[in-house]
Amino acid sequence: MADLVLASGSERRHQLLQRLGLRFRVVDPQAVERFEPGLCTELAIQLVARMKAQQVAERLRDDDAYIIAADTIVVGPNGPLGKPGTRERAREMLTLLRGQRHTVLTGVCAIAARTGAERMGVSRAAVRMRHFEDGELDHYVAGGEPLDKAGAYAVQGLGGALVDAVAGRMDTVIGLDCQLAVRLLTEVGYPHPLPTAPDWHLVLGKTAATRRPLASASRSGLGLR
């Protein structure tokens, strides 16, 4: 039986794929996420996703496995913003994004391990941040959530309080465009029926004190639209 594999250690991507009702297992590629110099951002983010998928496909090349991988980048006013890593850098990133419109790109790659068939794609969304106060920014950064998030915020977590609006798919901003993932899996020959992929709906702009993370929001009826 064909095995669906999510090449990601990201809990948010696991939750997004799980919500579709698919049976899959998780294999962390443990890949070093790096951009190839000189490439446009849309292509570079797809190649990072491809690198993750290829690492897992190589380990499963004798299996009837279909691998899906993704990577996300925020493109701010001065260019791409990765994961800040430190509170100081997170505060710098969010200060730069405050009151501004920016773009989120999520690259997705699907690979059939046995045949080597592969497809890549990219999803784009526009995000507008609120003019949040310094105190709200400091409170969010102090909690640690932004340190390992592209652009230094998690729209599905407490960081949604900093966001005013999203144009495009919310799951692109969270980290995996499920509609694109389903299409790419079909194109590489995944043999089982795949569901449609409605987008997530989250309430944005609430204060940090009333925000709940993705898993809690889905249980309370803020799930799919």
Protein backbone atom coordinates (compact mmCIF):
# COMPACT_ATOMS: atom_id res chain seq x y z
CA MET A 1 0.00 0.00 0.00
CA ALA A 2 1.27 3.47 -0.90
CA ASP A 3 2.68 5.35 2.05
CA LEU A 4 2.16 9.10 2.42
CA VAL A 5 5.07 10.80 4.21
CA LEU A 6 5.31 14.35 5.50
CA ALA A 7 8.96 15.41 5.37
CA SER A 8 8.78 17.92 8.19
CA GLY A 9 9.28 18.17 11.92
CA SER A 10 6.86 21.11 12.03
CA GLU A 11 3.88 20.57 14.29
CA ARG A 12 1.85 23.17 12.38
CA ARG A 13 2.35 21.33 9.06
CA HIS A 14 1.43 18.07 10.75
CA GLN A 15 -1.81 19.64 12.00
CA LEU A 16 -2.67 21.10 8.59
CA LEU A 17 -2.24 17.78 6.79
CA GLN A 18 -3.96 15.84 9.56
CA ARG A 19 -7.01 18.08 9.27
CA LEU A 20 -7.56 16.76 5.74
CA GLY A 21 -8.25 13.30 7.15
CA LEU A 22 -5.21 11.74 5.46
CA ARG A 23 -3.24 8.86 6.95
CA PHE A 24 0.46 9.70 6.84
CA ARG A 25 3.64 9.38 8.82
CA VAL A 26 6.22 12.02 9.64
CA VAL A 27 9.91 11.77 8.78
CA ASP A 28 12.02 14.76 9.78
CA PRO A 29 14.53 15.44 6.98
CA GLN A 30 16.79 17.32 9.40
CA ALA A 31 17.85 19.41 6.42
CA VAL A 32 19.80 22.62 6.65
CA GLU A 33 17.50 25.27 5.21
CA ARG A 34 19.56 27.49 2.93
CA PHE A 35 18.85 29.56 -0.14
CA GLU A 36 20.87 29.14 -3.29
CA PRO A 37 22.52 32.53 -3.96
CA GLY A 38 21.39 34.49 -6.97
CA LEU A 39 17.98 32.82 -7.34
CA CYS A 40 14.65 34.60 -7.16
CA THR A 41 12.88 34.00 -3.86
CA GLU A 42 9.97 32.05 -5.38
CA LEU A 43 12.31 29.52 -6.98
CA ALA A 44 14.66 29.39 -3.99
CA ILE A 45 11.87 28.49 -1.55
CA GLN A 46 10.71 25.67 -3.84
CA LEU A 47 14.25 24.29 -3.99
CA VAL A 48 14.49 24.26 -0.19
CA ALA A 49 11.26 22.22 -0.08
CA ARG A 50 12.69 19.95 -2.79
CA MET A 51 15.87 19.40 -0.78
CA LYS A 52 13.81 18.30 2.22
CA ALA A 53 11.69 15.93 0.13
CA GLN A 54 14.74 14.48 -1.63
CA GLN A 55 16.50 13.72 1.65
CA VAL A 56 13.55 11.68 2.84
CA ALA A 57 12.93 10.09 -0.59
CA GLU A 58 16.52 8.85 -0.66
CA ARG A 59 16.00 7.04 2.63
CA LEU A 60 12.74 5.50 1.36
CA ARG A 61 13.70 4.81 -2.26
CA ASP A 62 12.80 1.10 -2.00
CA ASP A 63 9.36 1.87 -0.57
CA ASP A 64 6.12 2.76 -2.29
CA ALA A 65 6.25 6.14 -0.56
CA TYR A 66 5.02 9.57 -1.62
CA ILE A 67 6.74 12.44 0.13
CA ILE A 68 5.45 15.97 0.63
CA ALA A 69 7.68 18.78 1.95
CA ALA A 70 7.35 22.53 2.36
CA ASP A 71 9.26 25.62 3.37
CA THR A 72 8.05 29.14 4.12
CA ILE A 73 9.66 32.56 3.88
CA VAL A 74 8.42 36.06 4.67
CA VAL A 75 9.40 38.78 2.22
CA GLY A 76 9.46 42.12 3.98
CA PRO A 77 10.09 45.66 2.73
CA ASN A 78 13.84 45.02 2.53
CA GLY A 79 13.82 41.43 1.32
CA PRO A 80 13.43 37.89 2.73
CA LEU A 81 13.11 37.35 6.47
CA GLY A 82 13.91 33.92 7.85
CA LYS A 83 13.74 32.68 11.43
CA PRO A 84 15.12 35.24 13.87
CA GLY A 85 16.69 32.86 16.36
CA THR A 86 17.06 35.56 19.03
CA ARG A 87 14.64 37.91 20.77
CA GLU A 88 16.63 40.92 19.59
CA ARG A 89 16.36 39.89 15.96
CA ALA A 90 12.67 38.98 16.37
CA ARG A 91 11.95 42.46 17.68
CA GLU A 92 13.84 44.01 14.75
CA MET A 93 11.85 41.97 12.23
CA LEU A 94 8.47 42.74 13.76
CA THR A 95 9.29 46.43 14.05
CA LEU A 96 10.11 46.40 10.34
CA LEU A 97 6.81 44.66 9.50
CA ARG A 98 4.62 46.77 11.83
CA GLY A 99 1.89 48.60 9.94
CA GLN A 100 3.22 47.26 6.63
CA ARG A 101 2.06 44.84 3.98
CA HIS A 102 4.38 41.91 3.27
CA THR A 103 4.36 38.69 1.27
CA VAL A 104 4.53 35.11 2.52
CA LEU A 105 5.78 32.43 0.13
CA THR A 106 5.45 28.70 0.81
CA GLY A 107 7.27 26.32 -1.50
CA VAL A 108 5.95 22.76 -1.74
CA CYS A 109 7.49 19.65 -3.30
CA ALA A 110 6.08 16.15 -3.82
CA ILE A 111 8.22 13.15 -4.75
CA ALA A 112 7.37 9.52 -5.51
CA ALA A 113 10.27 7.70 -3.88
CA ARG A 114 10.22 4.58 -6.06
CA THR A 115 9.81 6.24 -9.49
CA GLY A 116 11.60 9.52 -8.75
CA ALA A 117 8.73 11.58 -10.16
CA GLU A 118 8.68 15.02 -8.59
CA ARG A 119 6.74 18.25 -8.81
CA MET A 120 7.27 21.65 -7.18
CA GLY A 121 5.09 24.68 -6.69
CA VAL A 122 4.81 27.88 -4.70
CA SER A 123 1.91 29.59 -2.96
CA ARG A 124 1.76 33.32 -2.22
CA ALA A 125 -0.24 35.30 0.32
CA ALA A 126 -0.21 38.96 1.34
CA VAL A 127 -0.31 39.90 5.02
CA ARG A 128 -0.96 43.31 6.55
CA MET A 129 0.28 43.86 10.10
CA ARG A 130 -1.41 46.07 12.66
CA HIS A 131 0.17 49.20 14.09
CA PHE A 132 0.70 47.37 17.37
CA GLU A 133 2.16 49.11 20.39
CA ASP A 134 5.69 48.54 21.67
CA GLY A 135 4.34 46.95 24.84
CA GLU A 136 2.37 44.38 22.85
CA LEU A 137 5.45 43.67 20.73
CA ASP A 138 7.65 43.22 23.79
CA HIS A 139 5.12 40.89 25.43
CA TYR A 140 4.92 38.72 22.32
CA VAL A 141 8.68 38.49 21.84
CA ALA A 142 9.27 37.73 25.53
CA GLY A 143 7.04 34.65 25.22
CA GLY A 144 9.46 33.06 22.75
CA GLU A 145 6.94 32.08 20.06
CA PRO A 146 8.55 34.10 17.24
CA LEU A 147 12.09 32.75 17.61
CA ASP A 148 11.70 29.80 15.21
CA LYS A 149 9.09 31.30 12.90
CA ALA A 150 9.76 32.85 9.50
CA GLY A 151 9.26 36.58 9.79
CA ALA A 152 9.15 36.25 13.61
CA TYR A 153 5.42 35.55 14.01
CA ALA A 154 2.98 32.63 13.99
CA VAL A 155 -0.38 33.68 12.57
CA GLN A 156 -1.99 30.55 14.02
CA GLY A 157 -0.65 31.33 17.49
CA LEU A 158 -0.37 34.42 19.61
CA GLY A 159 1.17 36.22 16.63
CA GLY A 160 -2.26 36.40 15.02
CA ALA A 161 -2.94 39.30 17.36
CA LEU A 162 -0.39 41.33 15.39
CA VAL A 163 -2.03 40.65 12.01
CA ASP A 164 -4.73 42.87 10.55
CA ALA A 165 -5.61 40.93 7.39
CA VAL A 166 -4.53 38.13 5.05
CA ALA A 167 -5.15 38.06 1.29
CA GLY A 168 -4.62 34.54 -0.01
CA ARG A 169 -4.72 31.16 1.68
CA MET A 170 -4.24 31.17 5.43
CA ASP A 171 -2.51 27.77 5.29
CA THR A 172 0.16 29.35 3.06
CA VAL A 173 0.98 31.72 5.91
CA ILE A 174 0.87 28.89 8.47
CA GLY A 175 3.31 26.83 6.43
CA LEU A 176 1.68 24.39 3.97
CA ASP A 177 -0.76 25.19 1.17
CA CYS A 178 -2.78 21.98 1.37
CA GLN A 179 -4.55 22.61 -1.93
CA LEU A 180 -1.20 22.83 -3.69
CA ALA A 181 0.10 19.77 -1.82
CA VAL A 182 -2.89 17.69 -2.94
CA ARG A 183 -2.39 18.75 -6.57
CA LEU A 184 1.33 17.93 -6.56
CA LEU A 185 0.75 14.52 -4.97
CA THR A 186 -1.77 13.72 -7.69
CA GLU A 187 0.71 14.79 -10.38
CA VAL A 188 3.44 12.44 -9.09
CA GLY A 189 1.03 9.52 -9.13
CA TYR A 190 -0.28 9.13 -5.59
CA PRO A 191 -2.77 6.31 -6.17
CA HIS A 192 -5.39 6.94 -3.50
CA PRO A 193 -8.23 9.46 -3.58
CA LEU A 194 -7.27 12.81 -2.08
CA PRO A 195 -9.69 15.23 -0.45
CA THR A 196 -10.36 18.80 -1.39
CA ALA A 197 -8.40 21.21 0.76
CA PRO A 198 -10.51 24.04 2.18
CA ASP A 199 -8.52 26.78 3.82
CA TRP A 200 -8.18 27.56 7.51
CA HIS A 201 -10.12 30.47 8.93
CA LEU A 202 -8.62 32.22 11.96
CA VAL A 203 -9.80 35.28 13.82
CA LEU A 204 -7.08 37.91 13.45
CA GLY A 205 -6.18 41.01 15.38
CA LYS A 206 -7.36 39.80 18.80
CA THR A 207 -5.24 40.77 21.77
CA ALA A 208 -2.54 38.34 22.82
CA ALA A 209 -4.42 37.56 26.03
CA THR A 210 -7.38 36.13 24.08
CA ARG A 211 -5.46 34.37 21.32
CA ARG A 212 -5.34 30.60 21.20
CA PRO A 213 -3.02 28.43 19.11
CA LEU A 214 -4.08 26.51 16.02
CA ALA A 215 -5.12 23.26 17.73
CA SER A 216 -7.37 25.05 20.24
CA ALA A 217 -8.92 27.24 17.56
CA SER A 218 -9.88 24.24 15.44
CA ARG A 219 -11.68 22.58 18.33
CA SER A 220 -13.69 25.70 19.09
CA GLY A 221 -15.23 25.98 15.64
CA LEU A 222 -12.79 28.43 14.10
CA GLY A 223 -11.57 25.72 11.77
CA LEU A 224 -12.22 25.37 8.06
CA ARG A 225 -14.16 27.60 5.77
